């Protein structure tokens, strides 16, 4: 499912807390997950995707197209993840 939505997990051990996906309705479908990873791993993951970690708040996530969370559009100033 993550491949279908072009979402790549960080390249380190992730402790999954929850995962749910509407795989039967793909597309458009949805994925919800919660996980934790070591901070240095997440920092490297975000920097490899162009996030400026020095920005407060982090608002330089490269966005394209329109994304929705819970049916609401994601604003350009929202955090990347």
C-alpha atoms as a PDB file:
ATOM      1  CA  UNK A   1       0.000   0.000   0.000  1.00  0.00           C
ATOM      2  CA  UNK A   2       2.837   2.414   0.813  1.00  0.00           C
ATOM      3  CA  UNK A   3       4.326   1.823  -2.635  1.00  0.00           C
ATOM      4  CA  UNK A   4       0.962   2.635  -4.226  1.00  0.00           C
ATOM      5  CA  UNK A   5       0.902   6.079  -2.593  1.00  0.00           C
ATOM      6  CA  UNK A   6       4.648   6.627  -3.158  1.00  0.00           C
ATOM      7  CA  UNK A   7       5.408   6.775   0.560  1.00  0.00           C
ATOM      8  CA  UNK A   8       8.772   5.485   1.725  1.00  0.00           C
ATOM      9  CA  UNK A   9       9.509   4.656   5.353  1.00  0.00           C
ATOM     10  CA  UNK A  10      12.734   5.949   6.936  1.00  0.00           C
ATOM     11  CA  UNK A  11      15.670   3.564   6.492  1.00  0.00           C
ATOM     12  CA  UNK A  12      15.942   2.561  10.159  1.00  0.00           C
ATOM     13  CA  UNK A  13      14.036   0.562  12.744  1.00  0.00           C
ATOM     14  CA  UNK A  14      10.513   1.929  13.070  1.00  0.00           C
ATOM     15  CA  UNK A  15       8.318   1.051  16.021  1.00  0.00           C
ATOM     16  CA  UNK A  16       4.810   0.852  14.572  1.00  0.00           C
ATOM     17  CA  UNK A  17       2.019   2.055  16.836  1.00  0.00           C
ATOM     18  CA  UNK A  18      -0.844   1.816  14.362  1.00  0.00           C
ATOM     19  CA  UNK A  19      -1.481   1.151  10.681  1.00  0.00           C
ATOM     20  CA  UNK A  20      -4.725   1.183   8.753  1.00  0.00           C
ATOM     21  CA  UNK A  21      -5.391   1.319   5.020  1.00  0.00           C
ATOM     22  CA  UNK A  22      -8.447   1.237   2.823  1.00  0.00           C
ATOM     23  CA  UNK A  23      -6.874  -1.230   0.418  1.00  0.00           C
ATOM     24  CA  UNK A  24     -10.195  -2.492  -0.946  1.00  0.00           C
ATOM     25  CA  UNK A  25     -11.076   1.002  -2.169  1.00  0.00           C
ATOM     26  CA  UNK A  26      -7.788   1.812  -3.885  1.00  0.00           C
ATOM     27  CA  UNK A  27      -7.743   4.148  -5.712  1.00  0.00           C
ATOM     28  CA  UNK A  28      -8.345   6.657  -4.220  1.00  0.00           C
ATOM     29  CA  UNK A  29      -8.018   4.912  -0.850  1.00  0.00           C
ATOM     30  CA  UNK A  30      -6.206   6.147   2.231  1.00  0.00           C
ATOM     31  CA  UNK A  31      -3.402   5.214   4.644  1.00  0.00           C
ATOM     32  CA  UNK A  32      -3.113   6.155   8.312  1.00  0.00           C
ATOM     33  CA  UNK A  33      -0.139   5.146  10.423  1.00  0.00           C
ATOM     34  CA  UNK A  34       1.724   6.147  13.521  1.00  0.00           C
ATOM     35  CA  UNK A  35       5.315   5.160  14.267  1.00  0.00           C
ATOM     36  CA  UNK A  36       8.428   6.340  16.068  1.00  0.00           C
ATOM     37  CA  UNK A  37      12.036   6.269  14.896  1.00  0.00           C
ATOM     38  CA  UNK A  38      15.252   7.668  16.398  1.00  0.00           C
ATOM     39  CA  UNK A  39      15.506  11.454  15.959  1.00  0.00           C
ATOM     40  CA  UNK A  40      18.754  11.290  13.963  1.00  0.00           C
ATOM     41  CA  UNK A  41      17.105   8.856  11.550  1.00  0.00           C
ATOM     42  CA  UNK A  42      14.055  11.085  11.011  1.00  0.00           C
ATOM     43  CA  UNK A  43      16.271  14.162  10.610  1.00  0.00           C
ATOM     44  CA  UNK A  44      18.283  12.377   7.895  1.00  0.00           C
ATOM     45  CA  UNK A  45      15.058  11.195   6.213  1.00  0.00           C
ATOM     46  CA  UNK A  46      13.593  14.711   6.126  1.00  0.00           C
ATOM     47  CA  UNK A  47      16.837  16.362   4.969  1.00  0.00           C
ATOM     48  CA  UNK A  48      17.159  13.820   2.132  1.00  0.00           C
ATOM     49  CA  UNK A  49      13.773  15.076   0.923  1.00  0.00           C
ATOM     50  CA  UNK A  50      14.654  18.762   1.006  1.00  0.00           C
ATOM     51  CA  UNK A  51      13.290  19.747   4.418  1.00  0.00           C
ATOM     52  CA  UNK A  52      15.183  22.641   6.031  1.00  0.00           C
ATOM     53  CA  UNK A  53      15.431  21.541   9.662  1.00  0.00           C
ATOM     54  CA  UNK A  54      16.623  25.001  10.735  1.00  0.00           C
ATOM     55  CA  UNK A  55      13.314  26.580   9.653  1.00  0.00           C
ATOM     56  CA  UNK A  56      10.849  27.175  12.495  1.00  0.00           C
ATOM     57  CA  UNK A  57       8.308  25.788  11.923  1.00  0.00           C
ATOM     58  CA  UNK A  58       9.467  23.353   9.281  1.00  0.00           C
ATOM     59  CA  UNK A  59       7.631  24.749   6.284  1.00  0.00           C
ATOM     60  CA  UNK A  60       9.893  24.044   3.344  1.00  0.00           C
ATOM     61  CA  UNK A  61       8.526  20.602   2.523  1.00  0.00           C
ATOM     62  CA  UNK A  62       8.382  20.362  -1.248  1.00  0.00           C
ATOM     63  CA  UNK A  63       4.699  20.045  -2.115  1.00  0.00           C
ATOM     64  CA  UNK A  64       3.058  19.442  -5.451  1.00  0.00           C
ATOM     65  CA  UNK A  65      -0.579  18.979  -6.341  1.00  0.00           C
ATOM     66  CA  UNK A  66      -3.317  18.950  -3.715  1.00  0.00           C
ATOM     67  CA  UNK A  67      -3.174  16.762  -0.632  1.00  0.00           C
ATOM     68  CA  UNK A  68      -5.949  16.197   1.884  1.00  0.00           C
ATOM     69  CA  UNK A  69      -5.984  15.029   5.507  1.00  0.00           C
ATOM     70  CA  UNK A  70      -9.403  14.061   6.798  1.00  0.00           C
ATOM     71  CA  UNK A  71     -10.928  15.715   3.728  1.00  0.00           C
ATOM     72  CA  UNK A  72      -9.281  19.069   4.496  1.00  0.00           C
ATOM     73  CA  UNK A  73      -6.548  20.557   2.262  1.00  0.00           C
ATOM     74  CA  UNK A  74      -3.011  20.608   3.649  1.00  0.00           C
ATOM     75  CA  UNK A  75      -1.773  24.191   3.957  1.00  0.00           C
ATOM     76  CA  UNK A  76       1.767  25.032   2.763  1.00  0.00           C
ATOM     77  CA  UNK A  77       2.656  25.984   6.369  1.00  0.00           C
ATOM     78  CA  UNK A  78       1.589  22.621   7.849  1.00  0.00           C
ATOM     79  CA  UNK A  79       4.363  20.265   9.022  1.00  0.00           C
ATOM     80  CA  UNK A  80       5.537  17.776   6.392  1.00  0.00           C
ATOM     81  CA  UNK A  81       4.418  14.619   8.190  1.00  0.00           C
END
